[in-house]
Amino acid sequence: MSTIKTASVKVMLSYDYSHFEAAMSIENDNGLSMQEIDEARKNCQRLADKAVGQYKTAKSLAASRTDGKYQMANFETQCKAIKAKDEQDRTIKEIAMLKQYETENWQAQFDNYYDYDDDTQYPF
């Protein structure tokens, strides 16, 4: 039986008209076991799966980002209208919105920036 000293694995995925590919080579002068080659394949699959997951997140947040400026302006307009009301005429929801507007970084709720963050840990 021959000794396998070099192996390469490749995984290709298609999702939502996008293509993701991961490839890697492993080498050992003393030989590679099928288990080591299979582990390399799994690691490649994990990378491709991670790319798809990050793509889904980025696509979702891109849609939110497009709408974010409008939502931010709308929130601010609503809060200014609430401020103009007499305190006893404000609803509980309006009081909460106003408190958030005055005491928190309210713009953060409209911040949908994403740069393919490494939010998943893999064993390699």
C-alpha atoms as a PDB file:
ATOM      1  CA  MET A   1       0.000   0.000   0.000  1.00  0.00           C
ATOM      2  CA  SER A   2       1.316   3.473  -0.848  1.00  0.00           C
ATOM      3  CA  THR A   3       1.827   6.220   1.668  1.00  0.00           C
ATOM      4  CA  ILE A   4      -0.123   9.398   1.080  1.00  0.00           C
ATOM      5  CA  LYS A   5       2.181  12.327   1.831  1.00  0.00           C
ATOM      6  CA  THR A   6       0.118  15.172   0.325  1.00  0.00           C
ATOM      7  CA  ALA A   7      -3.626  15.680   0.076  1.00  0.00           C
ATOM      8  CA  SER A   8      -5.815  18.570  -0.955  1.00  0.00           C
ATOM      9  CA  VAL A   9      -9.461  19.129  -0.208  1.00  0.00           C
ATOM     10  CA  LYS A  10     -11.911  21.572  -1.731  1.00  0.00           C
ATOM     11  CA  VAL A  11     -15.462  22.520  -0.806  1.00  0.00           C
ATOM     12  CA  MET A  12     -17.723  24.596  -3.019  1.00  0.00           C
ATOM     13  CA  LEU A  13     -21.134  25.898  -1.963  1.00  0.00           C
ATOM     14  CA  SER A  14     -23.761  27.917  -3.771  1.00  0.00           C
ATOM     15  CA  TYR A  15     -26.235  29.993  -1.817  1.00  0.00           C
ATOM     16  CA  ASP A  16     -28.569  32.727  -3.022  1.00  0.00           C
ATOM     17  CA  TYR A  17     -26.763  33.095  -6.371  1.00  0.00           C
ATOM     18  CA  SER A  18     -23.399  33.464  -4.634  1.00  0.00           C
ATOM     19  CA  HIS A  19     -20.608  30.920  -4.658  1.00  0.00           C
ATOM     20  CA  PHE A  20     -18.306  30.143  -1.758  1.00  0.00           C
ATOM     21  CA  GLU A  21     -15.200  28.043  -2.065  1.00  0.00           C
ATOM     22  CA  ALA A  22     -12.569  26.889   0.397  1.00  0.00           C
ATOM     23  CA  ALA A  23      -9.534  24.794  -0.489  1.00  0.00           C
ATOM     24  CA  MET A  24      -6.560  23.604   1.505  1.00  0.00           C
ATOM     25  CA  SER A  25      -3.638  21.256   1.202  1.00  0.00           C
ATOM     26  CA  ILE A  26      -2.022  19.219   3.921  1.00  0.00           C
ATOM     27  CA  GLU A  27       1.344  17.541   3.815  1.00  0.00           C
ATOM     28  CA  ASN A  28       3.343  15.202   6.007  1.00  0.00           C
ATOM     29  CA  ASP A  29       6.490  13.388   4.868  1.00  0.00           C
ATOM     30  CA  ASN A  30       5.661  10.540   7.244  1.00  0.00           C
ATOM     31  CA  GLY A  31       2.280  10.036   5.606  1.00  0.00           C
ATOM     32  CA  LEU A  32      -1.313  11.119   6.172  1.00  0.00           C
ATOM     33  CA  SER A  33      -4.132   9.031   7.534  1.00  0.00           C
ATOM     34  CA  MET A  34      -7.619   9.069   6.078  1.00  0.00           C
ATOM     35  CA  GLN A  35      -8.752  10.592   9.361  1.00  0.00           C
ATOM     36  CA  GLU A  36      -6.362  13.552   8.910  1.00  0.00           C
ATOM     37  CA  ILE A  37      -7.535  14.057   5.337  1.00  0.00           C
ATOM     38  CA  ASP A  38     -11.169  13.828   6.447  1.00  0.00           C
ATOM     39  CA  GLU A  39     -10.496  16.358   9.224  1.00  0.00           C
ATOM     40  CA  ALA A  40      -9.069  18.746   6.610  1.00  0.00           C
ATOM     41  CA  ARG A  41     -12.245  18.291   4.551  1.00  0.00           C
ATOM     42  CA  LYS A  42     -14.378  19.090   7.603  1.00  0.00           C
ATOM     43  CA  ASN A  43     -12.320  22.208   8.303  1.00  0.00           C
ATOM     44  CA  CYS A  44     -12.821  23.323   4.700  1.00  0.00           C
ATOM     45  CA  GLN A  45     -16.566  22.709   5.017  1.00  0.00           C
ATOM     46  CA  ARG A  46     -16.643  24.757   8.236  1.00  0.00           C
ATOM     47  CA  LEU A  47     -14.943  27.664   6.458  1.00  0.00           C
ATOM     48  CA  ALA A  48     -17.428  27.547   3.587  1.00  0.00           C
ATOM     49  CA  ASP A  49     -20.369  27.279   6.025  1.00  0.00           C
ATOM     50  CA  LYS A  50     -18.983  30.243   7.973  1.00  0.00           C
ATOM     51  CA  ALA A  51     -18.772  32.272   4.755  1.00  0.00           C
ATOM     52  CA  VAL A  52     -22.432  31.515   3.978  1.00  0.00           C
ATOM     53  CA  GLY A  53     -23.491  32.455   7.522  1.00  0.00           C
ATOM     54  CA  GLN A  54     -21.597  35.737   7.382  1.00  0.00           C
ATOM     55  CA  TYR A  55     -23.040  36.445   3.937  1.00  0.00           C
ATOM     56  CA  LYS A  56     -26.568  35.985   5.312  1.00  0.00           C
ATOM     57  CA  THR A  57     -25.832  38.384   8.179  1.00  0.00           C
ATOM     58  CA  ALA A  58     -24.261  40.980   5.876  1.00  0.00           C
ATOM     59  CA  LYS A  59     -27.153  40.799   3.422  1.00  0.00           C
ATOM     60  CA  SER A  60     -29.719  41.164   6.199  1.00  0.00           C
ATOM     61  CA  LEU A  61     -27.945  44.143   7.742  1.00  0.00           C
ATOM     62  CA  ALA A  62     -27.470  45.820   4.356  1.00  0.00           C
ATOM     63  CA  ALA A  63     -31.246  45.978   3.987  1.00  0.00           C
ATOM     64  CA  SER A  64     -31.570  47.415   7.509  1.00  0.00           C
ATOM     65  CA  ARG A  65     -28.803  49.943   6.849  1.00  0.00           C
ATOM     66  CA  THR A  66     -30.665  51.244   3.811  1.00  0.00           C
ATOM     67  CA  ASP A  67     -33.733  51.869   5.944  1.00  0.00           C
ATOM     68  CA  GLY A  68     -31.780  53.055   9.010  1.00  0.00           C
ATOM     69  CA  LYS A  69     -31.444  56.725   8.072  1.00  0.00           C
ATOM     70  CA  TYR A  70     -35.188  57.028   7.588  1.00  0.00           C
ATOM     71  CA  GLN A  71     -35.890  55.214  10.859  1.00  0.00           C
ATOM     72  CA  MET A  72     -33.423  57.412  12.750  1.00  0.00           C
ATOM     73  CA  ALA A  73     -34.980  60.603  11.409  1.00  0.00           C
ATOM     74  CA  ASN A  74     -38.453  59.266  12.173  1.00  0.00           C
ATOM     75  CA  PHE A  75     -37.472  58.351  15.759  1.00  0.00           C
ATOM     76  CA  GLU A  76     -36.019  61.797  16.340  1.00  0.00           C
ATOM     77  CA  THR A  77     -39.119  63.491  14.883  1.00  0.00           C
ATOM     78  CA  GLN A  78     -41.371  61.395  17.123  1.00  0.00           C
ATOM     79  CA  CYS A  79     -39.323  62.285  20.192  1.00  0.00           C
ATOM     80  CA  LYS A  80     -39.481  65.990  19.399  1.00  0.00           C
ATOM     81  CA  ALA A  81     -43.270  65.706  19.057  1.00  0.00           C
ATOM     82  CA  ILE A  82     -43.448  63.880  22.414  1.00  0.00           C
ATOM     83  CA  LYS A  83     -41.397  66.654  24.062  1.00  0.00           C
ATOM     84  CA  ALA A  84     -43.935  69.175  22.792  1.00  0.00           C
ATOM     85  CA  LYS A  85     -46.766  67.364  24.619  1.00  0.00           C
ATOM     86  CA  ASP A  86     -47.720  68.059  28.214  1.00  0.00           C
ATOM     87  CA  GLU A  87     -46.159  65.428  30.508  1.00  0.00           C
ATOM     88  CA  GLN A  88     -49.547  64.116  31.672  1.00  0.00           C
ATOM     89  CA  ASP A  89     -50.586  63.471  28.033  1.00  0.00           C
ATOM     90  CA  ARG A  90     -47.631  61.165  27.249  1.00  0.00           C
ATOM     91  CA  THR A  91     -48.162  57.415  27.003  1.00  0.00           C
ATOM     92  CA  ILE A  92     -45.870  54.912  28.720  1.00  0.00           C
ATOM     93  CA  LYS A  93     -44.335  54.060  25.360  1.00  0.00           C
ATOM     94  CA  GLU A  94     -43.726  57.735  24.619  1.00  0.00           C
ATOM     95  CA  ILE A  95     -42.105  58.253  28.031  1.00  0.00           C
ATOM     96  CA  ALA A  96     -39.793  55.301  27.351  1.00  0.00           C
ATOM     97  CA  MET A  97     -38.902  56.612  23.886  1.00  0.00           C
ATOM     98  CA  LEU A  98     -38.161  60.047  25.294  1.00  0.00           C
ATOM     99  CA  LYS A  99     -36.021  58.605  28.088  1.00  0.00           C
ATOM    100  CA  GLN A 100     -34.044  56.589  25.554  1.00  0.00           C
ATOM    101  CA  TYR A 101     -33.665  59.654  23.335  1.00  0.00           C
ATOM    102  CA  GLU A 102     -32.400  61.806  26.186  1.00  0.00           C
ATOM    103  CA  THR A 103     -30.193  59.388  28.142  1.00  0.00           C
ATOM    104  CA  GLU A 104     -28.899  56.701  25.781  1.00  0.00           C
ATOM    105  CA  ASN A 105     -26.950  56.514  22.591  1.00  0.00           C
ATOM    106  CA  TRP A 106     -30.210  56.117  20.699  1.00  0.00           C
ATOM    107  CA  GLN A 107     -28.512  56.239  17.281  1.00  0.00           C
ATOM    108  CA  ALA A 108     -26.843  52.880  18.060  1.00  0.00           C
ATOM    109  CA  GLN A 109     -30.115  51.018  17.516  1.00  0.00           C
ATOM    110  CA  PHE A 110     -29.971  52.093  13.863  1.00  0.00           C
ATOM    111  CA  ASP A 111     -26.306  51.177  13.410  1.00  0.00           C
ATOM    112  CA  ASN A 112     -26.147  48.077  11.247  1.00  0.00           C
ATOM    113  CA  TYR A 113     -22.476  48.045  10.314  1.00  0.00           C
ATOM    114  CA  TYR A 114     -21.051  44.571   9.722  1.00  0.00           C
ATOM    115  CA  ASP A 115     -17.654  43.604   8.349  1.00  0.00           C
ATOM    116  CA  TYR A 116     -17.811  39.818   8.340  1.00  0.00           C
ATOM    117  CA  ASP A 117     -16.925  39.681  12.010  1.00  0.00           C
ATOM    118  CA  ASP A 118     -15.387  36.489  13.304  1.00  0.00           C
ATOM    119  CA  ASP A 119     -18.250  35.569  15.580  1.00  0.00           C
ATOM    120  CA  THR A 120     -17.777  31.815  15.248  1.00  0.00           C
ATOM    121  CA  GLN A 121     -14.976  29.810  16.794  1.00  0.00           C
ATOM    122  CA  TYR A 122     -13.733  26.726  14.975  1.00  0.00           C
ATOM    123  CA  PRO A 123     -11.363  24.070  16.282  1.00  0.00           C
ATOM    124  CA  PHE A 124      -8.555  24.920  13.851  1.00  0.00           C
END
